[in-house]
Amino acid sequence: MNTNHALMQRRHNAVPRGVGQIHPIFAERAENCRVWDVEGREYLDFAGGIAVLNTGHLHPGIVSAVEAQLKKLSHTCFQVLAYEPYLAVVRTHEPEGTWRFRQKNVAGHDRFRSG
């Protein structure tokens, strides 16, 4: 069985010093707001993936969506090989054709330009 101490030793030998770690524990599994370390101790996860995991660990809706996507395509860089769901997500934030950006002309006057 791995211990937190043993894994910290491995980490010390393998990971560059610039990559910090706040807590000297290693997660084994997680569910909802709880995380268990490699020694079986249970913790409340107040960090949530540095505040990006507001659904908790293993939310059924997220697991289902990830499984469905993995059966189609696991990953591609949109700038190299585009895919439609990317456009669907962008549209939920701003309808197509309505984005605007501030542009200065050579005289220094501001204006907004639509895309």
PDB file of N, CA and C in Angstrom:
ATOM      1  N   MET A   1       0.844  -1.186   0.000  1.00  0.00           N
ATOM      2  CA  MET A   1       0.000   0.000   0.000  1.00  0.00           C
ATOM      3  C   MET A   1       0.888   1.248   0.000  1.00  0.00           C
ATOM      4  N   ASN A   2       0.557   2.209  -0.845  1.00  0.00           N
ATOM      5  CA  ASN A   2       1.256   3.488  -0.839  1.00  0.00           C
ATOM      6  C   ASN A   2       0.817   4.318   0.356  1.00  0.00           C
ATOM      7  N   THR A   3       1.743   5.039   0.923  1.00  0.00           N
ATOM      8  CA  THR A   3       1.411   5.979   1.995  1.00  0.00           C
ATOM      9  C   THR A   3       1.654   7.392   1.474  1.00  0.00           C
ATOM     10  N   ASN A   4       1.042   8.364   2.141  1.00  0.00           N
ATOM     11  CA  ASN A   4       1.273   9.752   1.753  1.00  0.00           C
ATOM     12  C   ASN A   4       2.759  10.092   1.850  1.00  0.00           C
ATOM     13  N   HIS A   5       3.407   9.612   2.907  1.00  0.00           N
ATOM     14  CA  HIS A   5       4.831   9.892   3.098  1.00  0.00           C
ATOM     15  C   HIS A   5       5.668   9.304   1.952  1.00  0.00           C
ATOM     16  N   ALA A   6       5.397   8.050   1.595  1.00  0.00           N
ATOM     17  CA  ALA A   6       6.152   7.403   0.514  1.00  0.00           C
ATOM     18  C   ALA A   6       5.931   8.128  -0.813  1.00  0.00           C
ATOM     19  N   LEU A   7       4.696   8.532  -1.069  1.00  0.00           N
ATOM     20  CA  LEU A   7       4.407   9.247  -2.312  1.00  0.00           C
ATOM     21  C   LEU A   7       5.047  10.636  -2.323  1.00  0.00           C
ATOM     22  N   MET A   8       5.125  11.281  -1.154  1.00  0.00           N
ATOM     23  CA  MET A   8       5.805  12.575  -1.085  1.00  0.00           C
ATOM     24  C   MET A   8       7.290  12.414  -1.413  1.00  0.00           C
ATOM     25  N   GLN A   9       7.886  11.310  -0.981  1.00  0.00           N
ATOM     26  CA  GLN A   9       9.289  11.047  -1.314  1.00  0.00           C
ATOM     27  C   GLN A   9       9.446  10.873  -2.823  1.00  0.00           C
ATOM     28  N   ARG A  10       8.551  10.096  -3.433  1.00  0.00           N
ATOM     29  CA  ARG A  10       8.596   9.908  -4.888  1.00  0.00           C
ATOM     30  C   ARG A  10       8.399  11.234  -5.603  1.00  0.00           C
ATOM     31  N   ARG A  11       7.451  12.027  -5.093  1.00  0.00           N
ATOM     32  CA  ARG A  11       7.179  13.338  -5.683  1.00  0.00           C
ATOM     33  C   ARG A  11       8.429  14.206  -5.621  1.00  0.00           C
ATOM     34  N   HIS A  12       9.074  14.211  -4.466  1.00  0.00           N
ATOM     35  CA  HIS A  12      10.282  15.014  -4.267  1.00  0.00           C
ATOM     36  C   HIS A  12      11.361  14.647  -5.289  1.00  0.00           C
ATOM     37  N   ASN A  13      11.468  13.371  -5.608  1.00  0.00           N
ATOM     38  CA  ASN A  13      12.485  12.900  -6.545  1.00  0.00           C
ATOM     39  C   ASN A  13      12.095  13.082  -8.009  1.00  0.00           C
ATOM     40  N   ALA A  14      10.797  13.218  -8.299  1.00  0.00           N
ATOM     41  CA  ALA A  14      10.346  13.206  -9.687  1.00  0.00           C
ATOM     42  C   ALA A  14       9.810  14.536 -10.213  1.00  0.00           C
ATOM     43  N   VAL A  15       9.280  15.373  -9.338  1.00  0.00           N
ATOM     44  CA  VAL A  15       8.574  16.581  -9.784  1.00  0.00           C
ATOM     45  C   VAL A  15       9.464  17.810  -9.573  1.00  0.00           C
ATOM     46  N   PRO A  16       9.542  18.699 -10.561  1.00  0.00           N
ATOM     47  CA  PRO A  16      10.345  19.917 -10.397  1.00  0.00           C
ATOM     48  C   PRO A  16       9.901  20.738  -9.185  1.00  0.00           C
ATOM     49  N   ARG A  17      10.830  21.420  -8.572  1.00  0.00           N
ATOM     50  CA  ARG A  17      10.567  22.193  -7.360  1.00  0.00           C
ATOM     51  C   ARG A  17       9.549  23.319  -7.577  1.00  0.00           C
ATOM     52  N   GLY A  18       9.422  23.806  -8.786  1.00  0.00           N
ATOM     53  CA  GLY A  18       8.495  24.905  -9.058  1.00  0.00           C
ATOM     54  C   GLY A  18       7.035  24.521  -8.984  1.00  0.00           C
ATOM     55  N   VAL A  19       6.737  23.228  -8.948  1.00  0.00           N
ATOM     56  CA  VAL A  19       5.354  22.755  -8.865  1.00  0.00           C
ATOM     57  C   VAL A  19       5.035  22.530  -7.392  1.00  0.00           C
ATOM     58  N   GLY A  20       4.300  23.457  -6.804  1.00  0.00           N
ATOM     59  CA  GLY A  20       4.010  23.384  -5.376  1.00  0.00           C
ATOM     60  C   GLY A  20       2.916  22.384  -5.036  1.00  0.00           C
ATOM     61  N   GLN A  21       2.767  22.134  -3.761  1.00  0.00           N
ATOM     62  CA  GLN A  21       1.697  21.276  -3.249  1.00  0.00           C
ATOM     63  C   GLN A  21       1.383  21.750  -1.841  1.00  0.00           C
ATOM     64  N   ILE A  22       0.149  22.147  -1.611  1.00  0.00           N
ATOM     65  CA  ILE A  22      -0.234  22.735  -0.329  1.00  0.00           C
ATOM     66  C   ILE A  22      -0.348  21.687   0.766  1.00  0.00           C
ATOM     67  N   HIS A  23      -0.980  20.560   0.469  1.00  0.00           N
ATOM     68  CA  HIS A  23      -1.229  19.531   1.484  1.00  0.00           C
ATOM     69  C   HIS A  23      -0.398  18.284   1.188  1.00  0.00           C
ATOM     70  N   PRO A  24       0.205  17.683   2.183  1.00  0.00           N
ATOM     71  CA  PRO A  24       1.055  16.509   1.965  1.00  0.00           C
ATOM     72  C   PRO A  24       0.254  15.208   1.901  1.00  0.00           C
ATOM     73  N   ILE A  25      -0.835  15.223   1.151  1.00  0.00           N
ATOM     74  CA  ILE A  25      -1.662  14.021   0.998  1.00  0.00           C
ATOM     75  C   ILE A  25      -1.871  13.749  -0.487  1.00  0.00           C
ATOM     76  N   PHE A  26      -2.196  12.506  -0.805  1.00  0.00           N
ATOM     77  CA  PHE A  26      -2.455  12.093  -2.177  1.00  0.00           C
ATOM     78  C   PHE A  26      -3.848  11.484  -2.255  1.00  0.00           C
ATOM     79  N   ALA A  27      -4.661  12.015  -3.147  1.00  0.00           N
ATOM     80  CA  ALA A  27      -6.040  11.557  -3.291  1.00  0.00           C
ATOM     81  C   ALA A  27      -6.082  10.188  -3.960  1.00  0.00           C
ATOM     82  N   GLU A  28      -6.930   9.328  -3.443  1.00  0.00           N
ATOM     83  CA  GLU A  28      -7.161   7.999  -4.015  1.00  0.00           C
ATOM     84  C   GLU A  28      -8.464   7.982  -4.801  1.00  0.00           C
ATOM     85  N   ARG A  29      -9.499   8.593  -4.202  1.00  0.00           N
ATOM     86  CA  ARG A  29     -10.813   8.641  -4.851  1.00  0.00           C
ATOM     87  C   ARG A  29     -11.604   9.794  -4.253  1.00  0.00           C
ATOM     88  N   ALA A  30     -12.713  10.118  -4.915  1.00  0.00           N
ATOM     89  CA  ALA A  30     -13.555  11.211  -4.433  1.00  0.00           C
ATOM     90  C   ALA A  30     -14.992  10.991  -4.883  1.00  0.00           C
ATOM     91  N   GLU A  31     -15.912  11.535  -4.110  1.00  0.00           N
ATOM     92  CA  GLU A  31     -17.337  11.485  -4.462  1.00  0.00           C
ATOM     93  C   GLU A  31     -18.019  12.680  -3.812  1.00  0.00           C
ATOM     94  N   ASN A  32     -18.786  13.403  -4.619  1.00  0.00           N
ATOM     95  CA  ASN A  32     -19.449  14.634  -4.177  1.00  0.00           C
ATOM     96  C   ASN A  32     -18.416  15.575  -3.566  1.00  0.00           C
ATOM     97  N   CYS A  33     -18.565  15.947  -2.306  1.00  0.00           N
ATOM     98  CA  CYS A  33     -17.619  16.896  -1.689  1.00  0.00           C
ATOM     99  C   CYS A  33     -16.559  16.193  -0.849  1.00  0.00           C
ATOM    100  N   ARG A  34     -16.486  14.883  -0.907  1.00  0.00           N
ATOM    101  CA  ARG A  34     -15.550  14.137  -0.066  1.00  0.00           C
ATOM    102  C   ARG A  34     -14.412  13.538  -0.900  1.00  0.00           C
ATOM    103  N   VAL A  35     -13.229  13.535  -0.294  1.00  0.00           N
ATOM    104  CA  VAL A  35     -12.038  12.961  -0.922  1.00  0.00           C
ATOM    105  C   VAL A  35     -11.396  12.016   0.084  1.00  0.00           C
ATOM    106  N   TRP A  36     -10.919  10.869  -0.395  1.00  0.00           N
ATOM    107  CA  TRP A  36     -10.201   9.912   0.448  1.00  0.00           C
ATOM    108  C   TRP A  36      -8.760   9.854  -0.028  1.00  0.00           C
ATOM    109  N   ASP A  37      -7.832   9.887   0.935  1.00  0.00           N
ATOM    110  CA  ASP A  37      -6.423   9.803   0.555  1.00  0.00           C
ATOM    111  C   ASP A  37      -6.013   8.344   0.402  1.00  0.00           C
ATOM    112  N   VAL A  38      -4.758   8.119   0.027  1.00  0.00           N
ATOM    113  CA  VAL A  38      -4.265   6.763  -0.229  1.00  0.00           C
ATOM    114  C   VAL A  38      -4.205   5.912   1.026  1.00  0.00           C
ATOM    115  N   GLU A  39      -4.342   6.541   2.198  1.00  0.00           N
ATOM    116  CA  GLU A  39      -4.350   5.809   3.467  1.00  0.00           C
ATOM    117  C   GLU A  39      -5.768   5.610   3.997  1.00  0.00           C
ATOM    118  N   GLY A  40      -6.776   5.991   3.204  1.00  0.00           N
ATOM    119  CA  GLY A  40      -8.169   5.767   3.582  1.00  0.00           C
ATOM    120  C   GLY A  40      -8.809   6.864   4.412  1.00  0.00           C
ATOM    121  N   ARG A  41      -8.087   7.927   4.720  1.00  0.00           N
ATOM    122  CA  ARG A  41      -8.671   9.026   5.497  1.00  0.00           C
ATOM    123  C   ARG A  41      -9.581   9.867   4.614  1.00  0.00           C
ATOM    124  N   GLU A  42     -10.667  10.330   5.202  1.00  0.00           N
ATOM    125  CA  GLU A  42     -11.683  11.095   4.476  1.00  0.00           C
ATOM    126  C   GLU A  42     -11.545  12.584   4.787  1.00  0.00           C
ATOM    127  N   TYR A  43     -11.699  13.403   3.736  1.00  0.00           N
ATOM    128  CA  TYR A  43     -11.600  14.854   3.866  1.00  0.00           C
ATOM    129  C   TYR A  43     -12.782  15.506   3.153  1.00  0.00           C
ATOM    130  N   LEU A  44     -13.154  16.700   3.586  1.00  0.00           N
ATOM    131  CA  LEU A  44     -14.082  17.530   2.825  1.00  0.00           C
ATOM    132  C   LEU A  44     -13.257  18.340   1.835  1.00  0.00           C
ATOM    133  N   ASP A  45     -13.668  18.333   0.587  1.00  0.00           N
ATOM    134  CA  ASP A  45     -12.927  19.031  -0.461  1.00  0.00           C
ATOM    135  C   ASP A  45     -13.415  20.471  -0.557  1.00  0.00           C
ATOM    136  N   PHE A  46     -12.713  21.364   0.104  1.00  0.00           N
ATOM    137  CA  PHE A  46     -13.067  22.778   0.045  1.00  0.00           C
ATOM    138  C   PHE A  46     -12.414  23.483  -1.139  1.00  0.00           C
ATOM    139  N   ALA A  47     -11.507  22.820  -1.831  1.00  0.00           N
ATOM    140  CA  ALA A  47     -10.829  23.443  -2.965  1.00  0.00           C
ATOM    141  C   ALA A  47     -11.564  23.179  -4.275  1.00  0.00           C
ATOM    142  N   GLY A  48     -12.143  21.995  -4.426  1.00  0.00           N
ATOM    143  CA  GLY A  48     -12.919  21.676  -5.626  1.00  0.00           C
ATOM    144  C   GLY A  48     -12.168  21.900  -6.922  1.00  0.00           C
ATOM    145  N   GLY A  49     -10.963  21.373  -7.026  1.00  0.00           N
ATOM    146  CA  GLY A  49     -10.193  21.566  -8.257  1.00  0.00           C
ATOM    147  C   GLY A  49      -9.853  23.026  -8.467  1.00  0.00           C
ATOM    148  N   ILE A  50      -9.490  23.707  -7.392  1.00  0.00           N
ATOM    149  CA  ILE A  50      -9.228  25.146  -7.375  1.00  0.00           C
ATOM    150  C   ILE A  50     -10.479  25.889  -7.848  1.00  0.00           C
ATOM    151  N   ALA A  51     -11.598  25.521  -7.248  1.00  0.00           N
ATOM    152  CA  ALA A  51     -12.882  26.208  -7.410  1.00  0.00           C
ATOM    153  C   ALA A  51     -13.542  26.021  -8.775  1.00  0.00           C
ATOM    154  N   VAL A  52     -13.110  25.044  -9.564  1.00  0.00           N
ATOM    155  CA  VAL A  52     -13.776  24.812 -10.844  1.00  0.00           C
ATOM    156  C   VAL A  52     -14.716  23.611 -10.796  1.00  0.00           C
ATOM    157  N   LEU A  53     -14.743  22.918  -9.685  1.00  0.00           N
ATOM    158  CA  LEU A  53     -15.514  21.690  -9.567  1.00  0.00           C
ATOM    159  C   LEU A  53     -16.744  21.930  -8.701  1.00  0.00           C
ATOM    160  N   ASN A  54     -17.588  22.894  -9.086  1.00  0.00           N
ATOM    161  CA  ASN A  54     -18.726  23.239  -8.241  1.00  0.00           C
ATOM    162  C   ASN A  54     -19.845  22.205  -8.276  1.00  0.00           C
ATOM    163  N   THR A  55     -19.732  21.179  -9.099  1.00  0.00           N
ATOM    164  CA  THR A  55     -20.724  20.104  -9.125  1.00  0.00           C
ATOM    165  C   THR A  55     -20.332  18.959  -8.205  1.00  0.00           C
ATOM    166  N   GLY A  56     -19.159  19.020  -7.625  1.00  0.00           N
ATOM    167  CA  GLY A  56     -18.669  17.922  -6.807  1.00  0.00           C
ATOM    168  C   GLY A  56     -18.025  16.854  -7.681  1.00  0.00           C
ATOM    169  N   HIS A  57     -17.439  15.879  -7.029  1.00  0.00           N
ATOM    170  CA  HIS A  57     -16.786  14.783  -7.742  1.00  0.00           C
ATOM    171  C   HIS A  57     -17.827  13.748  -8.162  1.00  0.00           C
ATOM    172  N   LEU A  58     -17.708  13.254  -9.360  1.00  0.00           N
ATOM    173  CA  LEU A  58     -18.544  12.166  -9.905  1.00  0.00           C
ATOM    174  C   LEU A  58     -20.026  12.514 -10.000  1.00  0.00           C
ATOM    175  N   HIS A  59     -20.352  13.759 -10.305  1.00  0.00           N
ATOM    176  CA  HIS A  59     -21.760  14.127 -10.500  1.00  0.00           C
ATOM    177  C   HIS A  59     -22.305  13.286 -11.655  1.00  0.00           C
ATOM    178  N   PRO A  60     -23.448  12.602 -11.464  1.00  0.00           N
ATOM    179  CA  PRO A  60     -23.963  11.690 -12.491  1.00  0.00           C
ATOM    180  C   PRO A  60     -24.167  12.351 -13.857  1.00  0.00           C
ATOM    181  N   GLY A  61     -24.617  13.588 -13.881  1.00  0.00           N
ATOM    182  CA  GLY A  61     -24.818  14.284 -15.154  1.00  0.00           C
ATOM    183  C   GLY A  61     -23.514  14.544 -15.887  1.00  0.00           C
ATOM    184  N   ILE A  62     -22.481  14.878 -15.133  1.00  0.00           N
ATOM    185  CA  ILE A  62     -21.164  15.126 -15.730  1.00  0.00           C
ATOM    186  C   ILE A  62     -20.552  13.820 -16.220  1.00  0.00           C
ATOM    187  N   VAL A  63     -20.645  12.771 -15.407  1.00  0.00           N
ATOM    188  CA  VAL A  63     -20.115  11.458 -15.801  1.00  0.00           C
ATOM    189  C   VAL A  63     -20.794  10.986 -17.085  1.00  0.00           C
ATOM    190  N   SER A  64     -22.108  11.137 -17.161  1.00  0.00           N
ATOM    191  CA  SER A  64     -22.863  10.723 -18.346  1.00  0.00           C
ATOM    192  C   SER A  64     -22.435  11.510 -19.583  1.00  0.00           C
ATOM    193  N   ALA A  65     -22.286  12.824 -19.438  1.00  0.00           N
ATOM    194  CA  ALA A  65     -21.876  13.661 -20.571  1.00  0.00           C
ATOM    195  C   ALA A  65     -20.464  13.312 -21.035  1.00  0.00           C
ATOM    196  N   VAL A  66     -19.565  13.066 -20.098  1.00  0.00           N
ATOM    197  CA  VAL A  66     -18.184  12.704 -20.454  1.00  0.00           C
ATOM    198  C   VAL A  66     -18.155  11.350 -21.159  1.00  0.00           C
ATOM    199  N   GLU A  67     -18.902  10.374 -20.637  1.00  0.00           N
ATOM    200  CA  GLU A  67     -18.950   9.057 -21.281  1.00  0.00           C
ATOM    201  C   GLU A  67     -19.472   9.170 -22.704  1.00  0.00           C
ATOM    202  N   ALA A  68     -20.539   9.941 -22.897  1.00  0.00           N
ATOM    203  CA  ALA A  68     -21.114  10.107 -24.235  1.00  0.00           C
ATOM    204  C   ALA A  68     -20.107  10.758 -25.182  1.00  0.00           C
ATOM    205  N   GLN A  69     -19.407  11.780 -24.705  1.00  0.00           N
ATOM    206  CA  GLN A  69     -18.424  12.457 -25.553  1.00  0.00           C
ATOM    207  C   GLN A  69     -17.251  11.543 -25.886  1.00  0.00           C
ATOM    208  N   LEU A  70     -16.772  10.774 -24.913  1.00  0.00           N
ATOM    209  CA  LEU A  70     -15.633   9.887 -25.157  1.00  0.00           C
ATOM    210  C   LEU A  70     -15.950   8.808 -26.189  1.00  0.00           C
ATOM    211  N   LYS A  71     -17.216   8.452 -26.322  1.00  0.00           N
ATOM    212  CA  LYS A  71     -17.605   7.461 -27.328  1.00  0.00           C
ATOM    213  C   LYS A  71     -17.571   8.056 -28.732  1.00  0.00           C
ATOM    214  N   LYS A  72     -17.548   9.407 -28.812  1.00  0.00           N
ATOM    215  CA  LYS A  72     -17.493  10.082 -30.108  1.00  0.00           C
ATOM    216  C   LYS A  72     -16.094  10.593 -30.440  1.00  0.00           C
ATOM    217  N   LEU A  73     -15.503  11.322 -29.490  1.00  0.00           N
ATOM    218  CA  LEU A  73     -14.226  11.995 -29.729  1.00  0.00           C
ATOM    219  C   LEU A  73     -13.662  12.394 -28.381  1.00  0.00           C
ATOM    220  N   SER A  74     -12.416  12.014 -28.105  1.00  0.00           N
ATOM    221  CA  SER A  74     -11.874  12.335 -26.782  1.00  0.00           C
ATOM    222  C   SER A  74     -11.309  13.746 -26.713  1.00  0.00           C
ATOM    223  N   HIS A  75     -10.539  14.168 -27.707  1.00  0.00           N
ATOM    224  CA  HIS A  75      -9.985  15.520 -27.657  1.00  0.00           C
ATOM    225  C   HIS A  75      -9.403  15.901 -29.002  1.00  0.00           C
ATOM    226  N   THR A  76      -9.565  17.135 -29.352  1.00  0.00           N
ATOM    227  CA  THR A  76      -8.860  17.720 -30.481  1.00  0.00           C
ATOM    228  C   THR A  76      -8.702  19.202 -30.207  1.00  0.00           C
ATOM    229  N   CYS A  77      -7.726  19.808 -30.782  1.00  0.00           N
ATOM    230  CA  CYS A  77      -7.524  21.250 -30.655  1.00  0.00           C
ATOM    231  C   CYS A  77      -8.434  21.926 -31.671  1.00  0.00           C
ATOM    232  N   PHE A  78      -9.361  22.755 -31.217  1.00  0.00           N
ATOM    233  CA  PHE A  78     -10.342  23.379 -32.105  1.00  0.00           C
ATOM    234  C   PHE A  78      -9.671  24.171 -33.231  1.00  0.00           C
ATOM    235  N   GLN A  79      -8.528  24.780 -32.945  1.00  0.00           N
ATOM    236  CA  GLN A  79      -7.843  25.561 -33.968  1.00  0.00           C
ATOM    237  C   GLN A  79      -7.264  24.686 -35.077  1.00  0.00           C
ATOM    238  N   VAL A  80      -7.077  23.402 -34.807  1.00  0.00           N
ATOM    239  CA  VAL A  80      -6.522  22.483 -35.795  1.00  0.00           C
ATOM    240  C   VAL A  80      -7.621  21.657 -36.451  1.00  0.00           C
ATOM    241  N   LEU A  81      -8.515  21.100 -35.656  1.00  0.00           N
ATOM    242  CA  LEU A  81      -9.594  20.252 -36.157  1.00  0.00           C
ATOM    243  C   LEU A  81     -10.866  20.614 -35.396  1.00  0.00           C
ATOM    244  N   ALA A  82     -11.698  21.434 -36.005  1.00  0.00           N
ATOM    245  CA  ALA A  82     -12.889  21.968 -35.336  1.00  0.00           C
ATOM    246  C   ALA A  82     -13.961  20.901 -35.144  1.00  0.00           C
ATOM    247  N   TYR A  83     -14.878  21.159 -34.212  1.00  0.00           N
ATOM    248  CA  TYR A  83     -15.995  20.256 -33.935  1.00  0.00           C
ATOM    249  C   TYR A  83     -17.195  21.084 -33.490  1.00  0.00           C
ATOM    250  N   GLU A  84     -18.407  20.627 -33.841  1.00  0.00           N
ATOM    251  CA  GLU A  84     -19.636  21.386 -33.653  1.00  0.00           C
ATOM    252  C   GLU A  84     -19.972  21.699 -32.202  1.00  0.00           C
ATOM    253  N   PRO A  85     -19.819  20.784 -31.239  1.00  0.00           N
ATOM    254  CA  PRO A  85     -20.188  21.131 -29.860  1.00  0.00           C
ATOM    255  C   PRO A  85     -19.486  22.378 -29.325  1.00  0.00           C
ATOM    256  N   TYR A  86     -18.294  22.666 -29.810  1.00  0.00           N
ATOM    257  CA  TYR A  86     -17.589  23.892 -29.416  1.00  0.00           C
ATOM    258  C   TYR A  86     -18.426  25.111 -29.786  1.00  0.00           C
ATOM    259  N   LEU A  87     -18.961  25.106 -31.004  1.00  0.00           N
ATOM    260  CA  LEU A  87     -19.792  26.224 -31.451  1.00  0.00           C
ATOM    261  C   LEU A  87     -21.065  26.325 -30.629  1.00  0.00           C
ATOM    262  N   ALA A  88     -21.622  25.189 -30.243  1.00  0.00           N
ATOM    263  CA  ALA A  88     -22.845  25.193 -29.433  1.00  0.00           C
ATOM    264  C   ALA A  88     -22.595  25.828 -28.070  1.00  0.00           C
ATOM    265  N   VAL A  89     -21.455  25.531 -27.462  1.00  0.00           N
ATOM    266  CA  VAL A  89     -21.133  26.114 -26.158  1.00  0.00           C
ATOM    267  C   VAL A  89     -20.901  27.609 -26.292  1.00  0.00           C
ATOM    268  N   VAL A  90     -20.173  28.022 -27.329  1.00  0.00           N
ATOM    269  CA  VAL A  90     -19.936  29.450 -27.538  1.00  0.00           C
ATOM    270  C   VAL A  90     -21.262  30.175 -27.706  1.00  0.00           C
ATOM    271  N   ARG A  91     -22.178  29.578 -28.420  1.00  0.00           N
ATOM    272  CA  ARG A  91     -23.470  30.223 -28.672  1.00  0.00           C
ATOM    273  C   ARG A  91     -24.258  30.432 -27.379  1.00  0.00           C
ATOM    274  N   THR A  92     -24.096  29.562 -26.391  1.00  0.00           N
ATOM    275  CA  THR A  92     -24.815  29.750 -25.129  1.00  0.00           C
ATOM    276  C   THR A  92     -24.322  30.987 -24.398  1.00  0.00           C
ATOM    277  N   HIS A  93     -23.114  31.420 -24.695  1.00  0.00           N
ATOM    278  CA  HIS A  93     -22.561  32.609 -24.043  1.00  0.00           C
ATOM    279  C   HIS A  93     -22.815  33.880 -24.842  1.00  0.00           C
ATOM    280  N   GLU A  94     -22.850  33.784 -26.147  1.00  0.00           N
ATOM    281  CA  GLU A  94     -23.057  34.955 -26.993  1.00  0.00           C
ATOM    282  C   GLU A  94     -23.592  34.465 -28.337  1.00  0.00           C
ATOM    283  N   PRO A  95     -24.790  34.911 -28.734  1.00  0.00           N
ATOM    284  CA  PRO A  95     -25.350  34.467 -30.021  1.00  0.00           C
ATOM    285  C   PRO A  95     -24.401  34.782 -31.180  1.00  0.00           C
ATOM    286  N   GLU A  96     -24.400  33.910 -32.183  1.00  0.00           N
ATOM    287  CA  GLU A  96     -23.511  34.073 -33.332  1.00  0.00           C
ATOM    288  C   GLU A  96     -23.704  35.432 -33.989  1.00  0.00           C
ATOM    289  N   GLY A  97     -22.601  36.052 -34.370  1.00  0.00           N
ATOM    290  CA  GLY A  97     -22.657  37.318 -35.088  1.00  0.00           C
ATOM    291  C   GLY A  97     -22.868  38.540 -34.216  1.00  0.00           C
ATOM    292  N   THR A  98     -22.957  38.371 -32.895  1.00  0.00           N
ATOM    293  CA  THR A  98     -23.215  39.532 -32.044  1.00  0.00           C
ATOM    294  C   THR A  98     -22.001  39.976 -31.256  1.00  0.00           C
ATOM    295  N   TRP A  99     -20.890  39.266 -31.350  1.00  0.00           N
ATOM    296  CA  TRP A  99     -19.719  39.661 -30.575  1.00  0.00           C
ATOM    297  C   TRP A  99     -19.175  40.975 -31.114  1.00  0.00           C
ATOM    298  N   ARG A 100     -18.584  41.728 -30.203  1.00  0.00           N
ATOM    299  CA  ARG A 100     -18.032  43.032 -30.562  1.00  0.00           C
ATOM    300  C   ARG A 100     -16.685  43.202 -29.869  1.00  0.00           C
ATOM    301  N   PHE A 101     -15.822  43.957 -30.488  1.00  0.00           N
ATOM    302  CA  PHE A 101     -14.566  44.283 -29.820  1.00  0.00           C
ATOM    303  C   PHE A 101     -14.225  45.743 -30.073  1.00  0.00           C
ATOM    304  N   ARG A 102     -13.498  46.317 -29.138  1.00  0.00           N
ATOM    305  CA  ARG A 102     -13.093  47.716 -29.251  1.00  0.00           C
ATOM    306  C   ARG A 102     -11.879  47.796 -30.176  1.00  0.00           C
ATOM    307  N   GLN A 103     -11.928  48.753 -31.094  1.00  0.00           N
ATOM    308  CA  GLN A 103     -10.836  48.925 -32.039  1.00  0.00           C
ATOM    309  C   GLN A 103     -10.506  50.414 -32.127  1.00  0.00           C
ATOM    310  N   LYS A 104      -9.235  50.735 -32.123  1.00  0.00           N
ATOM    311  CA  LYS A 104      -8.813  52.127 -32.306  1.00  0.00           C
ATOM    312  C   LYS A 104      -8.311  52.282 -33.731  1.00  0.00           C
ATOM    313  N   ASN A 105      -8.729  53.377 -34.365  1.00  0.00           N
ATOM    314  CA  ASN A 105      -8.207  53.629 -35.703  1.00  0.00           C
ATOM    315  C   ASN A 105      -6.913  54.430 -35.601  1.00  0.00           C
ATOM    316  N   VAL A 106      -6.300  54.743 -36.729  1.00  0.00           N
ATOM    317  CA  VAL A 106      -5.014  55.436 -36.710  1.00  0.00           C
ATOM    318  C   VAL A 106      -5.077  56.802 -36.057  1.00  0.00           C
ATOM    319  N   ALA A 107      -6.230  57.429 -36.063  1.00  0.00           N
ATOM    320  CA  ALA A 107      -6.377  58.745 -35.434  1.00  0.00           C
ATOM    321  C   ALA A 107      -6.566  58.617 -33.924  1.00  0.00           C
ATOM    322  N   GLY A 108      -6.684  57.382 -33.421  1.00  0.00           N
ATOM    323  CA  GLY A 108      -6.846  57.170 -31.990  1.00  0.00           C
ATOM    324  C   GLY A 108      -8.291  57.149 -31.525  1.00  0.00           C
ATOM    325  N   HIS A 109      -9.247  57.193 -32.454  1.00  0.00           N
ATOM    326  CA  HIS A 109     -10.659  57.177 -32.083  1.00  0.00           C
ATOM    327  C   HIS A 109     -11.112  55.744 -31.811  1.00  0.00           C
ATOM    328  N   ASP A 110     -11.873  55.590 -30.734  1.00  0.00           N
ATOM    329  CA  ASP A 110     -12.432  54.279 -30.408  1.00  0.00           C
ATOM    330  C   ASP A 110     -13.673  54.020 -31.238  1.00  0.00           C
ATOM    331  N   ARG A 111     -13.876  52.778 -31.565  1.00  0.00           N
ATOM    332  CA  ARG A 111     -15.142  52.355 -32.157  1.00  0.00           C
ATOM    333  C   ARG A 111     -15.303  50.874 -31.883  1.00  0.00           C
ATOM    334  N   PHE A 112     -16.536  50.418 -31.919  1.00  0.00           N
ATOM    335  CA  PHE A 112     -16.799  48.995 -31.755  1.00  0.00           C
ATOM    336  C   PHE A 112     -17.011  48.389 -33.120  1.00  0.00           C
ATOM    337  N   ARG A 113     -16.518  47.203 -33.267  1.00  0.00           N
ATOM    338  CA  ARG A 113     -16.657  46.503 -34.535  1.00  0.00           C
ATOM    339  C   ARG A 113     -17.315  45.164 -34.266  1.00  0.00           C
ATOM    340  N   SER A 114     -18.327  44.825 -35.051  1.00  0.00           N
ATOM    341  CA  SER A 114     -18.990  43.526 -34.918  1.00  0.00           C
ATOM    342  C   SER A 114     -18.297  42.521 -35.801  1.00  0.00           C
ATOM    343  N   GLY A 115     -18.323  41.280 -35.370  1.00  0.00           N
ATOM    344  CA  GLY A 115     -17.687  40.219 -36.143  1.00  0.00           C
ATOM    345  C   GLY A 115     -18.639  39.536 -37.058  1.00  0.00           C
TER     346      GLY A 115
END
